[in-house]
Amino acid sequence: MIKNQHIWRVWSDTLHRWGMHDLVATLLEASGPLTVLGAQVVYLVQPTLSGLFPTGHLQALAEVLEDNDQVQAFANYLKEG
């Protein structure tokens, strides 16, 4: 079971609507260990950007980027539609 499945659904719907789901999935798969660095950036900017995003979304993004298994799972989730 995906911990933040409701958030993943929102992200997926938005990326599909923008036609960017394949690009994001490819970038996630290709970024490898750089996703951990991305998670740290999200943690760093979270206090500043928290008002621009729904509650919990930045935290969920950081958690996904910290875990390679979650990165791959989200990339697959995007591909499945």
Protein backbone atom coordinates (compact mmCIF):
# COMPACT_ATOMS: atom_id res chain seq x y z
CA MET A 1 0.00 0.00 0.00
CA ILE A 2 1.30 3.43 -0.94
CA LYS A 3 1.65 5.66 2.12
CA ASN A 4 0.48 8.84 0.38
CA GLN A 5 -1.65 7.32 -2.36
CA HIS A 6 -4.11 10.23 -2.36
CA ILE A 7 -1.23 12.67 -2.95
CA TRP A 8 0.28 10.50 -5.67
CA ARG A 9 -3.11 10.47 -7.39
CA VAL A 10 -3.23 14.29 -7.37
CA TRP A 11 0.32 14.51 -8.75
CA SER A 12 -0.39 11.91 -11.41
CA ASP A 13 -3.62 13.59 -12.50
CA THR A 14 -1.87 16.95 -12.75
CA LEU A 15 1.09 15.57 -14.70
CA HIS A 16 -1.21 13.67 -17.08
CA ARG A 17 -3.30 16.80 -17.62
CA TRP A 18 -0.13 18.76 -18.47
CA GLY A 19 1.15 15.91 -20.66
CA MET A 20 4.32 15.59 -18.58
CA HIS A 21 3.82 12.19 -16.95
CA ASP A 22 6.20 10.33 -19.28
CA LEU A 23 8.90 13.00 -18.98
CA VAL A 24 8.73 13.04 -15.18
CA ALA A 25 8.75 9.23 -15.01
CA THR A 26 11.82 9.11 -17.26
CA LEU A 27 13.61 11.79 -15.24
CA LEU A 28 12.87 9.98 -11.99
CA GLU A 29 14.21 6.71 -13.36
CA ALA A 30 17.31 8.33 -14.83
CA SER A 31 18.22 10.48 -11.84
CA GLY A 32 19.36 7.59 -9.65
CA PRO A 33 21.06 8.73 -6.45
CA LEU A 34 20.49 12.41 -7.29
CA THR A 35 16.95 12.07 -5.98
CA VAL A 36 18.32 12.09 -2.43
CA LEU A 37 19.87 15.49 -3.14
CA GLY A 38 16.51 16.60 -4.52
CA ALA A 39 14.86 15.52 -1.27
CA GLN A 40 17.27 17.66 0.70
CA VAL A 41 16.45 20.66 -1.51
CA VAL A 42 12.73 20.09 -0.91
CA TYR A 43 13.33 19.96 2.85
CA LEU A 44 15.36 23.18 2.62
CA VAL A 45 12.70 25.17 0.71
CA GLN A 46 9.69 23.60 2.44
CA PRO A 47 9.20 26.41 4.99
CA THR A 48 9.28 29.02 2.24
CA LEU A 49 7.06 27.23 -0.28
CA SER A 50 4.61 25.54 2.08
CA GLY A 51 1.92 28.15 1.36
CA LEU A 52 2.04 27.44 -2.37
CA PHE A 53 1.34 23.72 -2.14
CA PRO A 54 -1.40 21.72 -0.43
CA THR A 55 -0.62 20.54 3.08
CA GLY A 56 1.63 17.51 3.14
CA HIS A 57 2.60 17.53 -0.54
CA LEU A 58 6.14 18.85 -0.08
CA GLN A 59 6.76 16.45 2.79
CA ALA A 60 5.45 13.58 0.66
CA LEU A 61 7.67 14.64 -2.26
CA ALA A 62 10.74 14.68 -0.04
CA GLU A 63 9.87 11.25 1.34
CA VAL A 64 9.47 9.83 -2.17
CA LEU A 65 12.77 11.31 -3.32
CA GLU A 66 14.63 9.91 -0.29
CA ASP A 67 13.71 6.31 -1.06
CA ASN A 68 14.78 4.74 -4.36
CA ASP A 69 12.02 2.14 -4.09
CA GLN A 70 9.41 4.90 -3.80
CA VAL A 71 10.97 6.80 -6.71
CA GLN A 72 10.64 3.70 -8.89
CA ALA A 73 7.13 2.99 -7.60
CA PHE A 74 5.99 6.54 -8.41
CA ALA A 75 7.58 6.38 -11.87
CA ASN A 76 5.67 3.15 -12.50
CA TYR A 77 2.49 4.73 -11.10
CA LEU A 78 2.86 7.56 -13.63
CA LYS A 79 3.38 5.15 -16.51
CA GLU A 80 0.33 3.10 -15.57
CA GLY A 81 -1.84 6.18 -15.63
